[in-house]
C-alpha atoms as a PDB file:
ATOM      1  CA  MET A   1      16.175  21.990 -41.439  1.00  0.00           C
ATOM      2  CA  ALA A   2      17.638  18.777 -39.993  1.00  0.00           C
ATOM      3  CA  THR A   3      20.558  18.978 -42.419  1.00  0.00           C
ATOM      4  CA  ASP A   4      21.209  22.589 -41.397  1.00  0.00           C
ATOM      5  CA  SER A   5      21.276  21.501 -37.753  1.00  0.00           C
ATOM      6  CA  ILE A   6      23.795  18.769 -38.505  1.00  0.00           C
ATOM      7  CA  TYR A   7      26.068  21.189 -40.363  1.00  0.00           C
ATOM      8  CA  ALA A   8      25.747  23.747 -37.571  1.00  0.00           C
ATOM      9  CA  ALA A   9      26.682  21.132 -34.957  1.00  0.00           C
ATOM     10  CA  ALA A  10      29.674  19.959 -36.997  1.00  0.00           C
ATOM     11  CA  TYR A  11      30.831  23.543 -37.475  1.00  0.00           C
ATOM     12  CA  ALA A  12      30.542  24.232 -33.747  1.00  0.00           C
ATOM     13  CA  GLN A  13      32.579  21.119 -32.967  1.00  0.00           C
ATOM     14  CA  SER A  14      35.402  22.375 -35.182  1.00  0.00           C
ATOM     15  CA  ARG A  15      35.521  25.854 -33.606  1.00  0.00           C
ATOM     16  CA  PHE A  16      37.441  26.905 -30.490  1.00  0.00           C
ATOM     17  CA  ARG A  17      37.129  29.966 -28.248  1.00  0.00           C
ATOM     18  CA  ALA A  18      40.441  31.087 -26.749  1.00  0.00           C
ATOM     19  CA  LEU A  19      41.314  33.526 -23.971  1.00  0.00           C
ATOM     20  CA  ILE A  20      44.798  34.992 -23.434  1.00  0.00           C
ATOM     21  CA  ALA A  21      45.958  36.211 -20.009  1.00  0.00           C
ATOM     22  CA  ASP A  22      49.491  37.614 -19.753  1.00  0.00           C
ATOM     23  CA  ASP A  23      50.807  40.847 -18.261  1.00  0.00           C
ATOM     24  CA  GLN A  24      53.511  41.214 -20.932  1.00  0.00           C
ATOM     25  CA  PRO A  25      52.200  42.932 -24.102  1.00  0.00           C
ATOM     26  CA  ALA A  26      54.834  41.232 -26.256  1.00  0.00           C
ATOM     27  CA  ALA A  27      53.751  37.795 -25.047  1.00  0.00           C
ATOM     28  CA  ARG A  28      50.067  38.567 -25.602  1.00  0.00           C
ATOM     29  CA  GLU A  29      50.855  39.815 -29.095  1.00  0.00           C
ATOM     30  CA  ALA A  30      52.879  36.682 -29.946  1.00  0.00           C
ATOM     31  CA  ILE A  31      50.139  34.337 -28.716  1.00  0.00           C
ATOM     32  CA  SER A  32      47.426  36.379 -30.420  1.00  0.00           C
ATOM     33  CA  ARG A  33      49.315  36.328 -33.720  1.00  0.00           C
ATOM     34  CA  VAL A  34      49.682  32.525 -33.702  1.00  0.00           C
ATOM     35  CA  LEU A  35      46.063  31.947 -32.691  1.00  0.00           C
ATOM     36  CA  GLY A  36      44.856  34.539 -35.193  1.00  0.00           C
ATOM     37  CA  ASP A  37      46.428  32.576 -38.039  1.00  0.00           C
ATOM     38  CA  ASP A  38      44.208  29.597 -37.171  1.00  0.00           C
ATOM     39  CA  ASP A  39      40.755  29.984 -38.747  1.00  0.00           C
ATOM     40  CA  SER A  40      39.231  27.531 -36.272  1.00  0.00           C
ATOM     41  CA  ILE A  41      40.099  29.706 -33.256  1.00  0.00           C
ATOM     42  CA  GLU A  42      38.267  32.805 -32.075  1.00  0.00           C
ATOM     43  CA  ILE A  43      40.090  34.958 -29.507  1.00  0.00           C
ATOM     44  CA  VAL A  44      37.320  36.083 -27.153  1.00  0.00           C
ATOM     45  CA  SER A  45      39.450  38.236 -24.836  1.00  0.00           C
ATOM     46  CA  GLU A  46      42.991  39.343 -23.980  1.00  0.00           C
ATOM     47  CA  CYS A  47      43.721  40.159 -20.327  1.00  0.00           C
ATOM     48  CA  SER A  48      46.687  41.665 -18.520  1.00  0.00           C
ATOM     49  CA  ASP A  49      45.960  40.506 -14.958  1.00  0.00           C
ATOM     50  CA  GLY A  50      44.164  37.769 -13.041  1.00  0.00           C
ATOM     51  CA  LYS A  51      41.095  39.792 -12.086  1.00  0.00           C
ATOM     52  CA  GLU A  52      40.453  40.648 -15.725  1.00  0.00           C
ATOM     53  CA  ALA A  53      40.960  37.001 -16.638  1.00  0.00           C
ATOM     54  CA  LEU A  54      38.430  35.719 -14.092  1.00  0.00           C
ATOM     55  CA  ALA A  55      35.836  38.236 -15.275  1.00  0.00           C
ATOM     56  CA  ALA A  56      36.472  37.377 -18.936  1.00  0.00           C
ATOM     57  CA  ILE A  57      36.247  33.630 -18.237  1.00  0.00           C
ATOM     58  CA  ALA A  58      32.900  34.095 -16.502  1.00  0.00           C
ATOM     59  CA  GLU A  59      31.638  36.169 -19.434  1.00  0.00           C
ATOM     60  CA  HIS A  60      32.976  34.186 -22.400  1.00  0.00           C
ATOM     61  CA  ALA A  61      33.365  30.574 -21.127  1.00  0.00           C
ATOM     62  CA  PRO A  62      36.400  29.865 -23.375  1.00  0.00           C
ATOM     63  CA  ASP A  63      37.367  26.393 -24.597  1.00  0.00           C
ATOM     64  CA  MET A  64      41.051  27.088 -24.042  1.00  0.00           C
ATOM     65  CA  LEU A  65      43.036  29.428 -21.814  1.00  0.00           C
ATOM     66  CA  PHE A  66      46.615  30.598 -22.399  1.00  0.00           C
ATOM     67  CA  VAL A  67      47.664  31.976 -19.023  1.00  0.00           C
ATOM     68  CA  ASP A  68      50.907  33.230 -17.489  1.00  0.00           C
ATOM     69  CA  VAL A  69      51.778  31.535 -14.207  1.00  0.00           C
ATOM     70  CA  GLN A  70      52.868  34.761 -12.501  1.00  0.00           C
ATOM     71  CA  LEU A  71      49.897  36.861 -13.519  1.00  0.00           C
ATOM     72  CA  PRO A  72      49.413  40.060 -11.421  1.00  0.00           C
ATOM     73  CA  GLU A  73      46.458  40.447  -9.023  1.00  0.00           C
ATOM     74  CA  VAL A  74      45.448  36.758  -9.227  1.00  0.00           C
ATOM     75  CA  PRO A  75      48.197  34.257 -10.178  1.00  0.00           C
ATOM     76  CA  GLY A  76      47.632  31.897 -13.095  1.00  0.00           C
ATOM     77  CA  PHE A  77      47.187  28.769 -10.971  1.00  0.00           C
ATOM     78  CA  GLN A  78      44.567  30.493  -8.836  1.00  0.00           C
ATOM     79  CA  VAL A  79      42.747  31.668 -11.950  1.00  0.00           C
ATOM     80  CA  VAL A  80      42.560  28.082 -13.175  1.00  0.00           C
ATOM     81  CA  GLU A  81      41.560  26.669  -9.796  1.00  0.00           C
ATOM     82  CA  SER A  82      38.726  29.175  -9.618  1.00  0.00           C
ATOM     83  CA  SER A  83      37.546  28.244 -13.118  1.00  0.00           C
ATOM     84  CA  ARG A  84      38.434  24.551 -13.360  1.00  0.00           C
ATOM     85  CA  GLU A  85      35.036  23.296 -14.487  1.00  0.00           C
ATOM     86  CA  LYS A  86      34.684  25.965 -17.176  1.00  0.00           C
ATOM     87  CA  ILE A  87      37.880  25.540 -19.223  1.00  0.00           C
ATOM     88  CA  PRO A  88      38.518  22.222 -21.009  1.00  0.00           C
ATOM     89  CA  ALA A  89      42.119  23.062 -22.016  1.00  0.00           C
ATOM     90  CA  VAL A  90      44.660  25.232 -20.177  1.00  0.00           C
ATOM     91  CA  VAL A  91      48.135  26.108 -21.455  1.00  0.00           C
ATOM     92  CA  PHE A  92      50.366  27.620 -18.784  1.00  0.00           C
ATOM     93  CA  ILE A  93      53.108  30.022 -19.880  1.00  0.00           C
ATOM     94  CA  SER A  94      56.087  31.097 -17.777  1.00  0.00           C
ATOM     95  CA  ALA A  95      59.678  32.263 -17.967  1.00  0.00           C
ATOM     96  CA  LEU A  96      60.500  29.663 -15.294  1.00  0.00           C
ATOM     97  CA  GLU A  97      60.632  25.880 -15.722  1.00  0.00           C
ATOM     98  CA  ARG A  98      60.121  25.090 -12.044  1.00  0.00           C
ATOM     99  CA  PHE A  99      56.318  25.416 -12.223  1.00  0.00           C
ATOM    100  CA  ALA A 100      55.943  22.692 -14.882  1.00  0.00           C
ATOM    101  CA  ALA A 101      55.218  19.838 -12.453  1.00  0.00           C
ATOM    102  CA  ARG A 102      52.521  21.852 -10.697  1.00  0.00           C
ATOM    103  CA  ALA A 103      51.017  22.803 -14.058  1.00  0.00           C
ATOM    104  CA  PHE A 104      50.545  19.196 -15.084  1.00  0.00           C
ATOM    105  CA  ASP A 105      49.285  18.258 -11.644  1.00  0.00           C
ATOM    106  CA  ALA A 106      46.565  20.792 -12.493  1.00  0.00           C
ATOM    107  CA  HIS A 107      45.881  18.765 -15.692  1.00  0.00           C
ATOM    108  CA  ALA A 108      47.282  21.384 -18.062  1.00  0.00           C
ATOM    109  CA  ALA A 109      47.193  20.649 -21.779  1.00  0.00           C
ATOM    110  CA  ASP A 110      50.745  22.013 -22.042  1.00  0.00           C
ATOM    111  CA  TYR A 111      53.390  24.184 -20.355  1.00  0.00           C
ATOM    112  CA  VAL A 112      55.325  26.644 -22.536  1.00  0.00           C
ATOM    113  CA  VAL A 113      58.514  28.312 -21.332  1.00  0.00           C
ATOM    114  CA  LYS A 114      59.348  31.887 -22.391  1.00  0.00           C
ATOM    115  CA  PRO A 115      60.842  32.948 -24.661  1.00  0.00           C
ATOM    116  CA  PHE A 116      59.102  30.625 -27.102  1.00  0.00           C
ATOM    117  CA  HIS A 117      59.099  30.186 -30.866  1.00  0.00           C
ATOM    118  CA  ASP A 118      55.933  29.989 -32.948  1.00  0.00           C
ATOM    119  CA  LYS A 119      56.565  26.277 -33.606  1.00  0.00           C
ATOM    120  CA  ARG A 120      56.533  25.498 -29.880  1.00  0.00           C
ATOM    121  CA  LEU A 121      53.346  27.478 -29.342  1.00  0.00           C
ATOM    122  CA  LEU A 122      51.700  25.707 -32.286  1.00  0.00           C
ATOM    123  CA  GLN A 123      52.410  22.392 -30.564  1.00  0.00           C
ATOM    124  CA  ALA A 124      50.638  23.689 -27.477  1.00  0.00           C
ATOM    125  CA  VAL A 125      47.684  24.857 -29.584  1.00  0.00           C
ATOM    126  CA  GLU A 126      47.314  21.403 -31.170  1.00  0.00           C
ATOM    127  CA  ARG A 127      47.403  19.754 -27.754  1.00  0.00           C
ATOM    128  CA  ALA A 128      44.797  22.183 -26.473  1.00  0.00           C
ATOM    129  CA  LYS A 129      42.535  21.441 -29.445  1.00  0.00           C
ATOM    130  CA  LEU A 130      42.773  17.705 -28.825  1.00  0.00           C
ATOM    131  CA  ARG A 131      42.004  18.191 -25.144  1.00  0.00           C
ATOM    132  CA  VAL A 132      38.890  20.212 -26.029  1.00  0.00           C
ATOM    133  CA  GLN A 133      37.771  17.637 -28.605  1.00  0.00           C
ATOM    134  CA  MET A 134      38.202  14.799 -26.124  1.00  0.00           C
ATOM    135  CA  GLU A 135      36.188  16.712 -23.534  1.00  0.00           C
ATOM    136  CA  ARG A 136      33.434  17.417 -26.064  1.00  0.00           C
ATOM    137  CA  SER A 137      33.276  13.753 -27.076  1.00  0.00           C
ATOM    138  CA  ARG A 138      32.827  12.741 -23.436  1.00  0.00           C
ATOM    139  CA  ILE A 139      30.043  15.293 -22.974  1.00  0.00           C
ATOM    140  CA  ASP A 140      28.310  14.186 -26.184  1.00  0.00           C
ATOM    141  CA  LEU A 141      28.257  10.474 -25.292  1.00  0.00           C
ATOM    142  CA  PRO A 142      24.704   9.077 -25.035  1.00  0.00           C
ATOM    143  CA  SER A 143      23.582   8.588 -21.444  1.00  0.00           C
ATOM    144  CA  ALA A 144      23.599   4.799 -21.850  1.00  0.00           C
ATOM    145  CA  ALA A 145      27.241   4.869 -22.912  1.00  0.00           C
ATOM    146  CA  ARG A 146      28.179   7.121 -20.006  1.00  0.00           C
ATOM    147  CA  HIS A 147      26.412   4.813 -17.549  1.00  0.00           C
ATOM    148  CA  SER A 148      28.091   1.731 -18.986  1.00  0.00           C
ATOM    149  CA  THR A 149      31.531   3.133 -18.126  1.00  0.00           C
ATOM    150  CA  ALA A 150      30.579   4.283 -14.621  1.00  0.00           C
ATOM    151  CA  VAL A 151      32.583   2.812 -11.750  1.00  0.00           C
ATOM    152  CA  ALA A 152      30.650   1.002  -9.010  1.00  0.00           C
ATOM    153  CA  PRO A 153      30.927   2.592  -5.548  1.00  0.00           C
ATOM    154  CA  ASN A 154      33.161  -0.199  -4.181  1.00  0.00           C
ATOM    155  CA  GLN A 155      35.156  -0.707  -7.385  1.00  0.00           C
ATOM    156  CA  GLU A 156      38.653   0.748  -7.466  1.00  0.00           C
ATOM    157  CA  LEU A 157      39.762   2.766 -10.482  1.00  0.00           C
ATOM    158  CA  PRO A 158      42.585   1.122 -12.455  1.00  0.00           C
ATOM    159  CA  LYS A 159      46.075   2.236 -11.497  1.00  0.00           C
ATOM    160  CA  TYR A 160      48.150   3.523 -14.382  1.00  0.00           C
ATOM    161  CA  LEU A 161      51.735   4.668 -14.585  1.00  0.00           C
ATOM    162  CA  GLU A 162      51.948   8.379 -13.751  1.00  0.00           C
ATOM    163  CA  ARG A 163      55.691   9.073 -13.443  1.00  0.00           C
ATOM    164  CA  LEU A 164      58.850   7.569 -14.892  1.00  0.00           C
ATOM    165  CA  ALA A 165      62.185   7.385 -13.091  1.00  0.00           C
ATOM    166  CA  LEU A 166      64.775   8.092 -15.799  1.00  0.00           C
ATOM    167  CA  ARG A 167      68.554   8.090 -15.541  1.00  0.00           C
ATOM    168  CA  ASN A 168      70.783  10.727 -17.098  1.00  0.00           C
ATOM    169  CA  GLY A 169      74.381   9.812 -16.258  1.00  0.00           C
ATOM    170  CA  ASP A 170      74.578   9.748 -12.464  1.00  0.00           C
ATOM    171  CA  ARG A 171      71.368  11.742 -12.130  1.00  0.00           C
ATOM    172  CA  ILE A 172      67.905  10.222 -11.741  1.00  0.00           C
ATOM    173  CA  PHE A 173      64.922  12.444 -12.488  1.00  0.00           C
ATOM    174  CA  PHE A 174      61.178  11.948 -12.674  1.00  0.00           C
ATOM    175  CA  GLN A 175      59.103  12.500 -15.793  1.00  0.00           C
ATOM    176  CA  LYS A 176      55.329  12.905 -15.903  1.00  0.00           C
ATOM    177  CA  VAL A 177      53.975  10.210 -18.241  1.00  0.00           C
ATOM    178  CA  GLN A 178      51.397  12.530 -19.789  1.00  0.00           C
ATOM    179  CA  LEU A 179      54.253  14.731 -21.084  1.00  0.00           C
ATOM    180  CA  VAL A 180      55.705  11.873 -23.142  1.00  0.00           C
ATOM    181  CA  ASP A 181      55.035  12.138 -26.895  1.00  0.00           C
ATOM    182  CA  SER A 182      55.915   8.539 -27.772  1.00  0.00           C
ATOM    183  CA  PHE A 183      57.800   5.394 -26.775  1.00  0.00           C
ATOM    184  CA  THR A 184      59.938   3.374 -29.182  1.00  0.00           C
ATOM    185  CA  SER A 185      61.826   0.125 -28.575  1.00  0.00           C
ATOM    186  CA  ALA A 186      65.596  -0.155 -28.921  1.00  0.00           C
ATOM    187  CA  ALA A 187      67.132  -3.563 -28.161  1.00  0.00           C
ATOM    188  CA  ASN A 188      66.508  -4.263 -24.450  1.00  0.00           C
ATOM    189  CA  TYR A 189      65.462  -0.679 -23.749  1.00  0.00           C
ATOM    190  CA  VAL A 190      62.557   1.644 -24.461  1.00  0.00           C
ATOM    191  CA  GLN A 191      63.294   5.137 -25.730  1.00  0.00           C
ATOM    192  CA  VAL A 192      61.158   7.840 -24.116  1.00  0.00           C
ATOM    193  CA  HIS A 193      60.523  10.800 -26.444  1.00  0.00           C
ATOM    194  CA  CYS A 194      59.656  14.131 -24.792  1.00  0.00           C
ATOM    195  CA  GLY A 195      59.772  16.869 -27.416  1.00  0.00           C
ATOM    196  CA  ALA A 196      63.385  17.137 -28.595  1.00  0.00           C
ATOM    197  CA  GLN A 197      64.685  15.043 -25.674  1.00  0.00           C
ATOM    198  CA  ILE A 198      65.137  11.265 -25.782  1.00  0.00           C
ATOM    199  CA  HIS A 199      65.712   9.164 -22.666  1.00  0.00           C
ATOM    200  CA  ARG A 200      66.138   5.432 -22.109  1.00  0.00           C
ATOM    201  CA  MET A 201      64.464   3.092 -19.651  1.00  0.00           C
ATOM    202  CA  ARG A 202      64.852  -0.637 -19.176  1.00  0.00           C
ATOM    203  CA  SER A 203      61.540  -2.250 -20.081  1.00  0.00           C
ATOM    204  CA  THR A 204      59.786  -4.185 -22.817  1.00  0.00           C
ATOM    205  CA  MET A 205      57.036  -2.647 -24.938  1.00  0.00           C
ATOM    206  CA  ASN A 206      54.516  -5.260 -23.758  1.00  0.00           C
ATOM    207  CA  GLU A 207      55.280  -4.561 -20.110  1.00  0.00           C
ATOM    208  CA  LEU A 208      55.087  -0.796 -20.642  1.00  0.00           C
ATOM    209  CA  GLU A 209      51.835  -1.004 -22.620  1.00  0.00           C
ATOM    210  CA  ARG A 210      50.125  -2.838 -19.749  1.00  0.00           C
ATOM    211  CA  LYS A 211      51.052  -0.002 -17.361  1.00  0.00           C
ATOM    212  CA  LEU A 212      49.847   2.871 -19.564  1.00  0.00           C
ATOM    213  CA  ASP A 213      46.340   4.303 -19.710  1.00  0.00           C
ATOM    214  CA  SER A 214      44.933   2.991 -23.008  1.00  0.00           C
ATOM    215  CA  ARG A 215      42.674   6.066 -23.251  1.00  0.00           C
ATOM    216  CA  GLN A 216      45.768   8.239 -23.749  1.00  0.00           C
ATOM    217  CA  PHE A 217      48.442   5.894 -25.125  1.00  0.00           C
ATOM    218  CA  VAL A 218      47.937   3.606 -28.099  1.00  0.00           C
ATOM    219  CA  ARG A 219      50.303   1.105 -29.671  1.00  0.00           C
ATOM    220  CA  ILE A 220      50.631   1.644 -33.427  1.00  0.00           C
ATOM    221  CA  HIS A 221      53.508  -0.755 -34.119  1.00  0.00           C
ATOM    222  CA  ARG A 222      55.271  -3.543 -32.261  1.00  0.00           C
ATOM    223  CA  CYS A 223      58.053  -0.975 -31.657  1.00  0.00           C
ATOM    224  CA  THR A 224      55.958   2.191 -31.090  1.00  0.00           C
ATOM    225  CA  ILE A 225      53.431   3.600 -28.621  1.00  0.00           C
ATOM    226  CA  ILE A 226      52.142   7.164 -29.071  1.00  0.00           C
ATOM    227  CA  ASN A 227      50.389   9.677 -26.850  1.00  0.00           C
ATOM    228  CA  ILE A 228      47.067  10.210 -28.629  1.00  0.00           C
ATOM    229  CA  GLU A 229      47.007  13.836 -27.424  1.00  0.00           C
ATOM    230  CA  CYS A 230      50.144  14.456 -29.502  1.00  0.00           C
ATOM    231  CA  LEU A 231      48.580  13.172 -32.725  1.00  0.00           C
ATOM    232  CA  ARG A 232      48.393  15.770 -35.491  1.00  0.00           C
ATOM    233  CA  GLU A 233      47.455  13.785 -38.610  1.00  0.00           C
ATOM    234  CA  PHE A 234      47.709  10.406 -40.298  1.00  0.00           C
ATOM    235  CA  ARG A 235      47.599   9.226 -43.889  1.00  0.00           C
ATOM    236  CA  PRO A 236      47.552   5.838 -45.672  1.00  0.00           C
ATOM    237  CA  LEU A 237      50.675   4.203 -47.097  1.00  0.00           C
ATOM    238  CA  PRO A 238      50.990   1.307 -49.541  1.00  0.00           C
ATOM    239  CA  HIS A 239      50.248  -2.233 -48.293  1.00  0.00           C
ATOM    240  CA  GLY A 240      47.835  -1.109 -45.591  1.00  0.00           C
ATOM    241  CA  ASP A 241      50.215   0.787 -43.321  1.00  0.00           C
ATOM    242  CA  TYR A 242      49.741   4.414 -42.215  1.00  0.00           C
ATOM    243  CA  MET A 243      52.045   7.360 -41.597  1.00  0.00           C
ATOM    244  CA  VAL A 244      51.285   9.000 -38.244  1.00  0.00           C
ATOM    245  CA  LYS A 245      52.486  12.575 -37.646  1.00  0.00           C
ATOM    246  CA  LEU A 246      52.782  14.045 -34.151  1.00  0.00           C
ATOM    247  CA  VAL A 247      52.470  17.709 -33.181  1.00  0.00           C
ATOM    248  CA  ASP A 248      56.261  18.088 -33.003  1.00  0.00           C
ATOM    249  CA  GLY A 249      56.548  17.025 -36.667  1.00  0.00           C
ATOM    250  CA  LYS A 250      57.841  13.518 -35.939  1.00  0.00           C
ATOM    251  CA  GLU A 251      56.552  10.922 -38.430  1.00  0.00           C
ATOM    252  CA  LEU A 252      56.028   7.308 -37.364  1.00  0.00           C
ATOM    253  CA  THR A 253      54.741   4.233 -39.183  1.00  0.00           C
ATOM    254  CA  MET A 254      51.576   2.514 -38.000  1.00  0.00           C
ATOM    255  CA  SER A 255      51.428  -1.172 -38.902  1.00  0.00           C
ATOM    256  CA  ARG A 256      48.194  -2.496 -40.357  1.00  0.00           C
ATOM    257  CA  ASN A 257      48.141  -5.062 -37.531  1.00  0.00           C
ATOM    258  CA  TYR A 258      47.484  -2.223 -35.065  1.00  0.00           C
ATOM    259  CA  ARG A 259      44.868  -0.298 -37.062  1.00  0.00           C
ATOM    260  CA  GLN A 260      41.956  -1.537 -34.968  1.00  0.00           C
ATOM    261  CA  ARG A 261      43.567  -0.357 -31.726  1.00  0.00           C
ATOM    262  CA  PHE A 262      44.231   3.004 -33.337  1.00  0.00           C
ATOM    263  CA  ARG A 263      40.636   3.315 -34.554  1.00  0.00           C
ATOM    264  CA  SER A 264      39.332   2.462 -31.103  1.00  0.00           C
ATOM    265  CA  ALA A 265      41.471   5.234 -29.608  1.00  0.00           C
ATOM    266  CA  LEU A 266      40.258   7.699 -32.252  1.00  0.00           C
ATOM    267  CA  SER A 267      36.632   6.867 -31.483  1.00  0.00           C
ATOM    268  CA  ALA A 268      37.050   8.793 -28.222  1.00  0.00           C
ATOM    269  CA  LEU A 269      37.910  11.937 -30.192  1.00  0.00           C
ATOM    270  CA  SER A 270      35.443  14.276 -31.862  1.00  0.00           C
ATOM    271  CA  TYR A 271      36.362  15.158 -35.447  1.00  0.00           C
ATOM    272  CA  THR A 272      34.665  16.105 -38.713  1.00  0.00           C
ATOM    273  CA  GLN A 273      35.355  15.061 -42.288  1.00  0.00           C
END
């Protein structure tokens, strides 16, 4: 009986309940098709407006929500604000890029711009899964472990880098740090990788590492820092190194000297063998 309980718990940890809310049938069909190809995901409901979405969220308590920003009746942001404590991972979808900053201020797992390809949506799905797993691991921590990490009433929370000021020619723009997939060093600069885009900033890896939240960013090589939420898989290489693959397909080498840091970061994630 105990063994059956363990297997049941492990199975539950590897399953995800998804809800789709989009007023465009073609978009709902595209999202449903991609999610339907993933055996670990159960689509609990598909909604065409915000009122339907709120009712379905209350009924099904999904792990992840794929929601259009400009949803009729109740807009996507309002849907999420009304259900914030119930949905571990939210992926906003929109035909407009201008809502991206607001989406990530709302702690979205990802923001997908229409029209999108299956590959881009798959990246969002992987990020949503990781967000759910991280949330589950926090919930499943023993009470002693949760209390040991509690912040005293008069103790300030550590300040981590939240935005980057990046230069593109004569233009300076701001990039949310949580949207960065990885950082790599290049001479006296650090390359900032955001999907297919690469930007440069003047910094050293040691200086940057000190400013990043170690719960989300982990150094895997003297020249590489990755966003743990963008991790897809890793596998051993000869001589103790590892190949790390991100959700966008990028493959990076993890040095054996950084394995312990990597393992510590993974310990915050819930996964099964």
